[in-house]
C-alpha cells in the first residue's frame, strides 16, 4: 500500500477585491485540525457567475 505524505495542497484564494480574474492558485501547507475540527478533502468544485 502506498502512503501519501504530502505536506502542501493547492488552493484557490482571493487576495483582493475585484472581478472574476482575481482568484489565484496558491500552494499552501495542509492545515492541521484540532480535536473539535475535521479536514475535508475536496476533489472538484465550481464557481458559476
N, C-alpha and C. Protein backbone atom coordinates (compact mmCIF):
# COMPACT_ATOMS: atom_id res chain seq x y z
N UNK A 1 0.84 -1.18 0.00
CA UNK A 1 0.00 0.00 0.00
C UNK A 1 0.89 1.24 0.00
N UNK A 2 0.56 2.20 -0.86
CA UNK A 2 1.32 3.45 -0.96
C UNK A 2 0.73 4.49 -0.01
N UNK A 3 1.56 5.07 0.83
CA UNK A 3 1.12 6.09 1.78
C UNK A 3 1.53 7.46 1.26
N UNK A 4 0.57 8.35 1.12
CA UNK A 4 0.83 9.70 0.63
C UNK A 4 1.26 10.59 1.79
N UNK A 5 2.40 11.28 1.63
CA UNK A 5 2.93 12.09 2.72
C UNK A 5 3.11 13.55 2.30
N UNK A 6 2.25 14.04 1.42
CA UNK A 6 2.35 15.45 1.01
C UNK A 6 2.10 16.37 2.19
N UNK A 7 2.79 17.50 2.20
CA UNK A 7 2.58 18.49 3.26
C UNK A 7 1.97 19.77 2.73
N UNK A 8 1.75 19.84 1.41
CA UNK A 8 1.13 21.03 0.82
C UNK A 8 -0.08 20.63 -0.01
N UNK A 9 -0.91 21.63 -0.29
CA UNK A 9 -2.09 21.43 -1.12
C UNK A 9 -2.29 22.65 -1.99
N UNK A 10 -3.07 22.50 -3.06
CA UNK A 10 -3.40 23.64 -3.93
C UNK A 10 -4.68 24.27 -3.42
N UNK A 11 -4.74 25.60 -3.47
CA UNK A 11 -5.93 26.31 -3.01
C UNK A 11 -6.17 27.52 -3.91
N UNK A 12 -7.42 27.73 -4.26
CA UNK A 12 -7.80 28.95 -4.97
C UNK A 12 -8.12 29.99 -3.90
N UNK A 13 -7.38 31.09 -3.90
CA UNK A 13 -7.59 32.11 -2.86
C UNK A 13 -7.76 33.48 -3.50
N UNK A 14 -8.52 34.32 -2.81
CA UNK A 14 -8.77 35.70 -3.25
C UNK A 14 -8.03 36.62 -2.30
N UNK A 15 -7.04 37.35 -2.83
CA UNK A 15 -6.20 38.23 -2.03
C UNK A 15 -6.66 39.69 -2.07
N UNK A 16 -7.55 40.03 -3.00
CA UNK A 16 -8.02 41.40 -3.14
C UNK A 16 -9.41 41.41 -3.77
N UNK A 17 -10.13 42.49 -3.59
CA UNK A 17 -11.45 42.64 -4.18
C UNK A 17 -11.31 42.88 -5.68
N UNK A 18 -12.19 42.32 -6.48
CA UNK A 18 -12.11 42.56 -7.92
C UNK A 18 -13.06 41.68 -8.70
N UNK A 19 -12.76 41.50 -9.98
CA UNK A 19 -13.64 40.76 -10.88
C UNK A 19 -13.28 39.27 -10.88
N UNK A 20 -13.74 38.57 -11.89
CA UNK A 20 -13.56 37.13 -11.97
C UNK A 20 -12.10 36.68 -12.09
N UNK A 21 -11.19 37.57 -12.48
CA UNK A 21 -9.80 37.18 -12.67
C UNK A 21 -8.94 37.37 -11.41
N UNK A 22 -9.55 37.72 -10.28
CA UNK A 22 -8.80 37.95 -9.04
C UNK A 22 -8.36 36.67 -8.33
N UNK A 23 -9.16 35.60 -8.29
CA UNK A 23 -8.72 34.38 -7.59
C UNK A 23 -7.41 33.84 -8.18
N UNK A 24 -6.52 33.39 -7.29
CA UNK A 24 -5.22 32.86 -7.70
C UNK A 24 -5.02 31.46 -7.16
N UNK A 25 -4.30 30.63 -7.92
CA UNK A 25 -3.96 29.29 -7.48
C UNK A 25 -2.69 29.37 -6.65
N UNK A 26 -2.78 29.01 -5.37
CA UNK A 26 -1.65 29.04 -4.45
C UNK A 26 -1.37 27.63 -3.95
N UNK A 27 -0.13 27.38 -3.57
CA UNK A 27 0.22 26.13 -2.91
C UNK A 27 0.48 26.47 -1.45
N UNK A 28 -0.31 25.89 -0.56
CA UNK A 28 -0.24 26.22 0.86
C UNK A 28 -0.01 24.96 1.69
N UNK A 29 0.42 25.13 2.94
CA UNK A 29 0.57 24.00 3.85
C UNK A 29 -0.80 23.42 4.17
N UNK A 30 -0.88 22.11 4.29
CA UNK A 30 -2.13 21.46 4.67
C UNK A 30 -2.45 21.85 6.10
N UNK A 31 -3.65 22.38 6.37
CA UNK A 31 -4.00 22.78 7.73
C UNK A 31 -4.04 21.59 8.68
N UNK A 32 -3.65 21.81 9.90
CA UNK A 32 -3.72 20.77 10.93
C UNK A 32 -5.00 21.00 11.73
N UNK A 33 -5.85 19.98 11.79
CA UNK A 33 -7.10 20.11 12.53
C UNK A 33 -6.86 19.83 14.01
N UNK A 34 -7.70 20.44 14.83
CA UNK A 34 -7.66 20.21 16.27
C UNK A 34 -8.70 19.16 16.63
N UNK A 35 -8.84 18.87 17.90
CA UNK A 35 -9.75 17.80 18.34
C UNK A 35 -11.21 18.07 17.98
N UNK A 36 -11.62 19.35 17.87
CA UNK A 36 -13.01 19.65 17.57
C UNK A 36 -13.23 20.11 16.12
N UNK A 37 -12.31 19.75 15.21
CA UNK A 37 -12.40 20.13 13.81
C UNK A 37 -12.23 18.89 12.93
N UNK A 38 -12.66 19.01 11.67
CA UNK A 38 -12.42 17.96 10.68
C UNK A 38 -11.76 18.59 9.45
N UNK A 39 -11.02 17.79 8.71
CA UNK A 39 -10.39 18.24 7.48
C UNK A 39 -11.05 17.47 6.34
N UNK A 40 -11.65 18.18 5.39
CA UNK A 40 -12.40 17.57 4.31
C UNK A 40 -11.61 17.71 3.02
N UNK A 41 -11.42 16.60 2.30
CA UNK A 41 -10.71 16.61 1.04
C UNK A 41 -11.72 16.83 -0.09
N UNK A 42 -11.53 17.88 -0.87
CA UNK A 42 -12.42 18.22 -1.98
C UNK A 42 -11.69 17.90 -3.28
N UNK A 43 -12.29 17.07 -4.13
CA UNK A 43 -11.69 16.70 -5.40
C UNK A 43 -12.02 17.70 -6.50
N UNK A 44 -13.21 18.30 -6.46
CA UNK A 44 -13.61 19.24 -7.50
C UNK A 44 -14.66 20.19 -6.95
N UNK A 45 -14.64 21.40 -7.44
CA UNK A 45 -15.67 22.39 -7.11
C UNK A 45 -15.77 23.37 -8.26
N UNK A 46 -16.81 24.19 -8.23
CA UNK A 46 -17.01 25.16 -9.31
C UNK A 46 -17.64 26.42 -8.77
N UNK A 47 -17.36 27.52 -9.46
CA UNK A 47 -17.99 28.79 -9.15
C UNK A 47 -18.64 29.27 -10.45
N UNK A 48 -19.96 29.43 -10.40
CA UNK A 48 -20.69 29.87 -11.59
C UNK A 48 -21.18 31.28 -11.34
N UNK A 49 -20.87 32.15 -12.26
CA UNK A 49 -21.21 33.55 -12.08
C UNK A 49 -22.52 33.89 -12.73
